[in-house]
C-alpha atoms as a PDB file:
ATOM      1  CA  MET A   1     -48.962  10.790-172.627  1.00  0.00           C
ATOM      2  CA  ASN A   2     -51.942  13.635-174.773  1.00  0.00           C
ATOM      3  CA  GLU A   3     -52.932  16.449-173.849  1.00  0.00           C
ATOM      4  CA  HIS A   4     -56.059  15.661-171.754  1.00  0.00           C
ATOM      5  CA  GLU A   5     -53.992  13.386-169.065  1.00  0.00           C
ATOM      6  CA  HIS A   6     -52.910  14.828-166.306  1.00  0.00           C
ATOM      7  CA  PRO A   7     -49.697  12.983-164.504  1.00  0.00           C
ATOM      8  CA  LEU A   8     -50.533  11.617-161.203  1.00  0.00           C
ATOM      9  CA  TYR A   9     -47.829  14.054-159.145  1.00  0.00           C
ATOM     10  CA  LEU A  10     -46.699  17.600-158.901  1.00  0.00           C
ATOM     11  CA  ASP A  11     -43.288  19.227-160.105  1.00  0.00           C
ATOM     12  CA  GLY A  12     -41.626  20.274-157.080  1.00  0.00           C
ATOM     13  CA  ASN A  13     -42.606  23.920-157.271  1.00  0.00           C
ATOM     14  CA  ALA A  14     -45.430  22.551-155.009  1.00  0.00           C
ATOM     15  CA  LEU A  15     -42.636  22.469-151.767  1.00  0.00           C
ATOM     16  CA  ALA A  16     -42.402  26.296-152.644  1.00  0.00           C
ATOM     17  CA  GLY A  17     -45.392  27.215-149.960  1.00  0.00           C
ATOM     18  CA  PRO A  18     -44.702  24.791-147.291  1.00  0.00           C
ATOM     19  CA  LEU A  19     -41.005  24.964-147.398  1.00  0.00           C
ATOM     20  CA  GLY A  20     -40.980  28.846-148.151  1.00  0.00           C
ATOM     21  CA  GLU A  21     -42.458  29.153-143.916  1.00  0.00           C
ATOM     22  CA  ILE A  22     -38.900  27.991-142.795  1.00  0.00           C
ATOM     23  CA  PHE A  23     -36.404  28.306-145.380  1.00  0.00           C
ATOM     24  CA  THR A  24     -35.277  32.514-146.592  1.00  0.00           C
ATOM     25  CA  THR A  25     -34.246  31.708-150.077  1.00  0.00           C
ATOM     26  CA  ASP A  26     -36.615  30.052-152.895  1.00  0.00           C
ATOM     27  CA  PRO A  27     -36.165  26.426-151.546  1.00  0.00           C
ATOM     28  CA  THR A  28     -37.062  25.254-154.832  1.00  0.00           C
ATOM     29  CA  THR A  29     -33.746  25.953-156.681  1.00  0.00           C
ATOM     30  CA  ALA A  30     -32.204  23.855-154.463  1.00  0.00           C
ATOM     31  CA  TRP A  31     -29.374  21.046-156.338  1.00  0.00           C
ATOM     32  CA  ARG A  32     -29.420  17.219-154.790  1.00  0.00           C
ATOM     33  CA  LEU A  33     -27.822  13.731-156.357  1.00  0.00           C
ATOM     34  CA  CYS A  34     -30.169  11.151-155.797  1.00  0.00           C
ATOM     35  CA  PRO A  35     -28.447   8.759-153.763  1.00  0.00           C
ATOM     36  CA  SER A  36     -29.865   5.668-155.575  1.00  0.00           C
ATOM     37  CA  CYS A  37     -29.336   6.707-159.323  1.00  0.00           C
ATOM     38  CA  ARG A  38     -26.967  10.057-159.166  1.00  0.00           C
ATOM     39  CA  LEU A  39     -29.371  11.700-161.101  1.00  0.00           C
ATOM     40  CA  PRO A  40     -28.551  15.759-160.213  1.00  0.00           C
ATOM     41  CA  ALA A  41     -31.823  17.688-160.037  1.00  0.00           C
ATOM     42  CA  THR A  42     -33.072  20.755-158.561  1.00  0.00           C
ATOM     43  CA  MET A  43     -35.877  20.833-156.055  1.00  0.00           C
ATOM     44  CA  ALA A  44     -38.052  22.056-158.730  1.00  0.00           C
ATOM     45  CA  GLN A  45     -37.289  18.878-160.752  1.00  0.00           C
ATOM     46  CA  LEU A  46     -38.517  16.522-158.145  1.00  0.00           C
ATOM     47  CA  HIS A  47     -42.804  14.574-158.682  1.00  0.00           C
ATOM     48  CA  VAL A  48     -44.400  15.514-155.579  1.00  0.00           C
ATOM     49  CA  TYR A  49     -47.529  13.670-154.746  1.00  0.00           C
ATOM     50  CA  GLY A  50     -49.990  14.140-152.262  1.00  0.00           C
ATOM     51  CA  PRO A  51     -51.211  16.366-150.994  1.00  0.00           C
ATOM     52  CA  GLU A  52     -52.422  14.189-147.841  1.00  0.00           C
ATOM     53  CA  PRO A  53     -50.759  12.753-145.369  1.00  0.00           C
ATOM     54  CA  GLY A  54     -48.409  15.208-146.573  1.00  0.00           C
ATOM     55  CA  LEU A  55     -46.072  16.004-149.425  1.00  0.00           C
ATOM     56  CA  THR A  56     -44.216  13.684-151.204  1.00  0.00           C
ATOM     57  CA  ALA A  57     -41.486  14.409-153.191  1.00  0.00           C
ATOM     58  CA  ARG A  58     -39.765  11.233-154.965  1.00  0.00           C
ATOM     59  CA  CYS A  59     -36.172  11.118-157.540  1.00  0.00           C
ATOM     60  CA  PRO A  60     -37.411  12.030-161.409  1.00  0.00           C
ATOM     61  CA  GLY A  61     -34.998   9.448-162.278  1.00  0.00           C
ATOM     62  CA  CYS A  62     -35.659   5.916-160.521  1.00  0.00           C
ATOM     63  CA  ALA A  63     -38.289   7.534-157.919  1.00  0.00           C
ATOM     64  CA  ALA A  64     -36.678   7.374-154.428  1.00  0.00           C
ATOM     65  CA  ILE A  65     -37.840   9.406-151.484  1.00  0.00           C
ATOM     66  CA  ALA A  66     -36.121  12.686-151.435  1.00  0.00           C
ATOM     67  CA  LEU A  67     -38.312  14.543-148.851  1.00  0.00           C
ATOM     68  CA  ARG A  68     -41.346  14.499-146.990  1.00  0.00           C
ATOM     69  CA  VAL A  69     -43.309  17.366-145.597  1.00  0.00           C
ATOM     70  CA  VAL A  70     -46.441  17.399-143.125  1.00  0.00           C
ATOM     71  CA  THR A  71     -47.702  20.651-142.017  1.00  0.00           C
ATOM     72  CA  GLN A  72     -49.945  20.733-138.867  1.00  0.00           C
ATOM     73  CA  PRO A  73     -51.325  23.835-137.468  1.00  0.00           C
ATOM     74  CA  GLU A  74     -48.389  24.847-135.266  1.00  0.00           C
ATOM     75  CA  TYR A  75     -45.890  22.775-137.088  1.00  0.00           C
ATOM     76  CA  LEU A  76     -43.877  21.446-140.366  1.00  0.00           C
ATOM     77  CA  TRP A  77     -42.670  18.413-140.215  1.00  0.00           C
ATOM     78  CA  LEU A  78     -39.877  17.644-142.830  1.00  0.00           C
ATOM     79  CA  GLN A  79     -38.277  14.439-143.682  1.00  0.00           C
ATOM     80  CA  LEU A  80     -35.156  13.881-145.847  1.00  0.00           C
ATOM     81  CA  GLY A  81     -34.933  10.928-147.830  1.00  0.00           C
ATOM     82  CA  SER A  82     -36.489   7.778-146.500  1.00  0.00           C
ATOM     83  CA  GLY A  83     -35.038   7.927-143.242  1.00  0.00           C
ATOM     84  CA  ALA A  84     -37.293   7.365-139.655  1.00  0.00           C
ATOM     85  CA  GLY A  85     -35.948  11.071-138.455  1.00  0.00           C
ATOM     86  CA  ALA A  86     -38.255  13.980-139.092  1.00  0.00           C
ATOM     87  CA  PHE A  87     -37.399  17.411-138.249  1.00  0.00           C
ATOM     88  CA  ARG A  88     -40.098  19.715-136.420  1.00  0.00           C
ATOM     89  CA  PHE A  89     -40.651  23.039-137.645  1.00  0.00           C
ATOM     90  CA  ALA A  90     -42.676  25.577-135.313  1.00  0.00           C
ATOM     91  CA  ARG A  91     -45.468  27.488-137.926  1.00  0.00           C
ATOM     92  CA  PRO A  92     -45.163  31.518-137.563  1.00  0.00           C
ATOM     93  CA  HIS A  93     -48.959  32.580-135.730  1.00  0.00           C
ATOM     94  CA  ILE A  94     -50.909  34.870-138.313  1.00  0.00           C
ATOM     95  CA  THR A  95     -52.999  36.753-136.508  1.00  0.00           C
ATOM     96  CA  THR A  96     -55.263  38.627-137.959  1.00  0.00           C
END
């Protein structure tokens, strides 16, 4: 890739904002072992695609889905891997 081309993905640091709402520690430092290709990587090293309808983070080695994050005004949805289930977290209400 030359200096004028942009990758189609962001790095895992793009997950810091949405996941920072539900985790008290920096989520980008979390370590993961890909169940598909066995590549160890931190969340910051994942390849993140989005933003709509949410962020999809993939393994930098084999592109397997690591997680998905979808934000709504009231909730944040977190799906780990490519499974069918998702966690729903209430988002904090911000008043001005």
